[in-house]
Amino acid sequence: MADLNLPITTERLTLRPYRPEDVEPIHAVLYGDEQARRFTGGVWEMAVTRTIIEGYIERQSIDGYSFWAVLESGSGELIGEAGLTPLGADNEGPEVELGYAFAPHAWGHGHATEAGRAVLDAAFGPLTLERVVAVVDDANAGSRNVLAKLGFGAAGRRRVYGGDLLYLVRARD
């Protein structure tokens, strides 16, 4: 796998590896926010958020990819996360999953689609992946729409993350 040149910048966003100082801001806008977490297992305690972010930092150093902090380029505000991780609650893979989540105030502005495109460009470019998968709750119409815009196709269902989720696949063009 080739080295990925981070941060990734898009027209409106910057995707960069998480840092320890991101724990409190991401907890405030995402992991500790009930509305933001309604389709992804509910809110977490700060200690869980810290463990998750530390895991993303470690995965980045080991695998060369992970979930990354997403910041608005103009303001520098941390508004969510996007990236890649091995599919499964224990990150067992071998499939690599696209994931993204944003603070509710950032919804409806195309950020998930923009970040998702950037992540897929990295996945199919420097990371040389042949395919990327995604899972989504049936009720999450917004995320289903984003995945459709990103070219993912339905491929059945998967029992993962404690639920029976839609399973989608996107292959390299």
Protein backbone atom coordinates (compact mmCIF):
# COMPACT_ATOMS: atom_id res chain seq x y z
CA MET A 1 0.00 0.00 0.00
CA ALA A 2 1.41 3.39 -0.96
CA ASP A 3 1.79 6.24 1.47
CA LEU A 4 -1.17 8.59 1.56
CA ASN A 5 -0.35 12.27 1.50
CA LEU A 6 -2.34 13.82 4.35
CA PRO A 7 -4.07 16.12 4.94
CA ILE A 8 -6.55 15.79 2.09
CA THR A 9 -8.12 19.05 1.04
CA THR A 10 -11.30 19.50 -0.97
CA GLU A 11 -13.11 22.64 -2.04
CA ARG A 12 -14.54 23.18 1.46
CA LEU A 13 -13.00 20.58 3.75
CA THR A 14 -9.74 19.37 5.22
CA LEU A 15 -9.42 15.72 6.23
CA ARG A 16 -6.47 15.03 8.51
CA PRO A 17 -5.39 12.34 10.96
CA TYR A 18 -6.86 12.65 14.43
CA ARG A 19 -4.73 14.17 17.18
CA PRO A 20 -5.11 13.65 20.95
CA GLU A 21 -6.43 17.23 21.31
CA ASP A 22 -9.38 16.35 19.02
CA VAL A 23 -11.03 14.12 21.65
CA GLU A 24 -13.03 16.83 23.41
CA PRO A 25 -14.13 18.72 20.27
CA ILE A 26 -15.25 15.56 18.43
CA HIS A 27 -17.03 14.34 21.55
CA ALA A 28 -18.90 17.65 21.80
CA VAL A 29 -20.08 17.73 18.18
CA LEU A 30 -20.44 14.03 17.42
CA TYR A 31 -19.87 11.21 19.91
CA GLY A 32 -21.63 12.93 22.80
CA ASP A 33 -24.50 14.29 20.70
CA GLU A 34 -27.71 12.26 20.81
CA GLN A 35 -29.00 13.53 17.46
CA ALA A 36 -25.69 12.88 15.69
CA ARG A 37 -25.53 9.33 17.07
CA ARG A 38 -29.13 8.23 16.51
CA PHE A 39 -28.21 5.77 13.73
CA THR A 40 -24.83 4.72 15.10
CA GLY A 41 -25.43 3.23 18.52
CA GLY A 42 -26.16 6.22 20.73
CA VAL A 43 -23.93 8.58 22.68
CA TRP A 44 -20.70 7.52 24.34
CA GLU A 45 -19.00 8.59 27.52
CA MET A 46 -15.89 10.76 27.08
CA ALA A 47 -13.65 7.83 28.06
CA VAL A 48 -15.04 5.75 25.18
CA THR A 49 -14.56 8.63 22.74
CA ARG A 50 -10.93 8.92 23.93
CA THR A 51 -10.35 5.19 23.38
CA ILE A 52 -11.90 5.34 19.90
CA ILE A 53 -9.82 8.33 18.82
CA GLU A 54 -6.65 6.76 20.23
CA GLY A 55 -7.51 3.66 18.18
CA TYR A 56 -7.88 5.76 15.02
CA ILE A 57 -4.50 7.39 15.67
CA GLU A 58 -2.90 3.96 16.11
CA ARG A 59 -4.62 2.49 13.03
CA GLN A 60 -3.34 5.39 10.94
CA SER A 61 0.23 4.68 12.01
CA ILE A 62 -0.11 0.93 11.37
CA ASP A 63 -2.33 0.72 8.25
CA GLY A 64 -1.77 4.11 6.63
CA TYR A 65 -5.50 4.88 6.79
CA SER A 66 -8.18 5.38 9.42
CA PHE A 67 -11.07 7.65 10.22
CA TRP A 68 -9.87 11.25 9.99
CA ALA A 69 -11.00 14.51 11.52
CA VAL A 70 -12.97 16.66 9.05
CA LEU A 71 -12.61 20.41 9.39
CA GLU A 72 -14.27 23.24 7.49
CA SER A 73 -11.44 24.78 5.53
CA GLY A 74 -12.51 28.40 6.07
CA SER A 75 -13.19 28.32 9.81
CA GLY A 76 -10.99 25.38 10.83
CA GLU A 77 -13.95 24.06 12.87
CA LEU A 78 -13.97 20.29 13.45
CA ILE A 79 -17.38 19.25 12.10
CA GLY A 80 -17.12 15.48 11.81
CA GLU A 81 -15.10 12.53 10.64
CA ALA A 82 -14.67 10.44 7.53
CA GLY A 83 -12.33 7.69 6.46
CA LEU A 84 -11.69 4.00 6.14
CA THR A 85 -11.60 1.18 8.64
CA PRO A 86 -11.69 -2.62 8.48
CA LEU A 87 -15.37 -3.66 8.58
CA GLY A 88 -16.58 -5.02 11.90
CA ALA A 89 -16.97 -4.07 15.53
CA ASP A 90 -13.51 -5.42 16.29
CA ASN A 91 -12.03 -4.03 13.07
CA GLU A 92 -11.45 -7.58 11.91
CA GLY A 93 -11.91 -6.90 8.18
CA PRO A 94 -10.76 -8.10 5.73
CA GLU A 95 -13.16 -5.75 3.93
CA VAL A 96 -12.45 -2.02 4.20
CA GLU A 97 -15.40 0.20 5.05
CA LEU A 98 -16.08 3.82 4.17
CA GLY A 99 -17.51 5.71 7.11
CA TYR A 100 -18.46 9.29 7.87
CA ALA A 101 -20.41 11.17 10.50
CA PHE A 102 -21.03 14.87 10.97
CA ALA A 103 -22.32 17.24 13.60
CA PRO A 104 -26.04 17.95 13.10
CA HIS A 105 -25.36 21.63 12.31
CA ALA A 106 -23.24 20.46 9.35
CA TRP A 107 -25.96 18.23 7.85
CA GLY A 108 -27.56 19.08 4.54
CA HIS A 109 -24.57 20.95 3.11
CA GLY A 110 -23.03 18.14 1.04
CA HIS A 111 -20.13 17.60 3.43
CA ALA A 112 -20.59 13.82 3.64
CA THR A 113 -20.62 13.48 -0.15
CA GLU A 114 -17.59 15.77 -0.54
CA ALA A 115 -15.62 13.97 2.17
CA GLY A 116 -16.73 10.56 0.87
CA ARG A 117 -15.45 11.37 -2.62
CA ALA A 118 -12.10 12.43 -1.18
CA VAL A 119 -11.84 9.24 0.87
CA LEU A 120 -12.71 7.08 -2.15
CA ASP A 121 -10.12 8.92 -4.26
CA ALA A 122 -7.55 8.00 -1.63
CA ALA A 123 -8.82 4.41 -1.36
CA PHE A 124 -8.71 3.73 -5.09
CA GLY A 125 -5.66 5.95 -5.71
CA PRO A 126 -2.67 5.86 -3.36
CA LEU A 127 -4.10 3.11 -1.13
CA THR A 128 -4.73 0.87 -4.20
CA LEU A 129 -7.84 -0.80 -2.79
CA GLU A 130 -9.94 -2.78 -5.28
CA ARG A 131 -13.24 -2.25 -3.45
CA VAL A 132 -14.73 -0.45 -0.49
CA VAL A 133 -17.86 -1.43 1.41
CA ALA A 134 -20.35 0.50 3.52
CA VAL A 135 -23.12 -0.40 5.95
CA VAL A 136 -26.08 1.76 6.83
CA ASP A 137 -29.24 1.60 8.91
CA ASP A 138 -32.38 1.31 6.74
CA ALA A 139 -33.86 4.38 8.45
CA ASN A 140 -30.87 6.60 7.63
CA ALA A 141 -32.16 8.01 4.34
CA GLY A 142 -29.55 10.78 4.27
CA SER A 143 -26.65 8.35 4.41
CA ARG A 144 -28.27 6.01 1.89
CA ASN A 145 -28.51 9.00 -0.50
CA VAL A 146 -24.86 9.90 0.05
CA LEU A 147 -23.76 6.34 -0.69
CA ALA A 148 -25.84 6.28 -3.87
CA LYS A 149 -24.21 9.54 -5.02
CA LEU A 150 -20.82 7.96 -4.33
CA GLY A 151 -21.64 5.01 -6.60
CA PHE A 152 -22.23 2.29 -4.00
CA GLY A 153 -24.55 -0.53 -4.99
CA ALA A 154 -26.72 -2.68 -2.73
CA ALA A 155 -25.21 -6.07 -1.99
CA GLY A 156 -27.53 -7.51 0.66
CA ARG A 157 -27.38 -7.17 4.43
CA ARG A 158 -24.75 -7.62 7.12
CA ARG A 159 -25.09 -8.34 10.80
CA VAL A 160 -22.46 -5.99 12.22
CA TYR A 161 -22.15 -3.34 14.95
CA GLY A 162 -25.03 -4.94 16.81
CA GLY A 163 -27.55 -4.54 14.01
CA ASP A 164 -28.82 -5.93 10.74
CA LEU A 165 -27.64 -3.28 8.28
CA LEU A 166 -27.82 -2.64 4.55
CA TYR A 167 -24.53 -3.68 2.94
CA LEU A 168 -23.24 -1.76 -0.07
CA VAL A 169 -20.19 -2.13 -2.29
CA ARG A 170 -18.20 0.19 -4.53
CA ALA A 171 -15.50 -1.30 -6.76
CA ARG A 172 -12.61 0.54 -8.34
CA ASP A 173 -13.66 2.07 -11.68
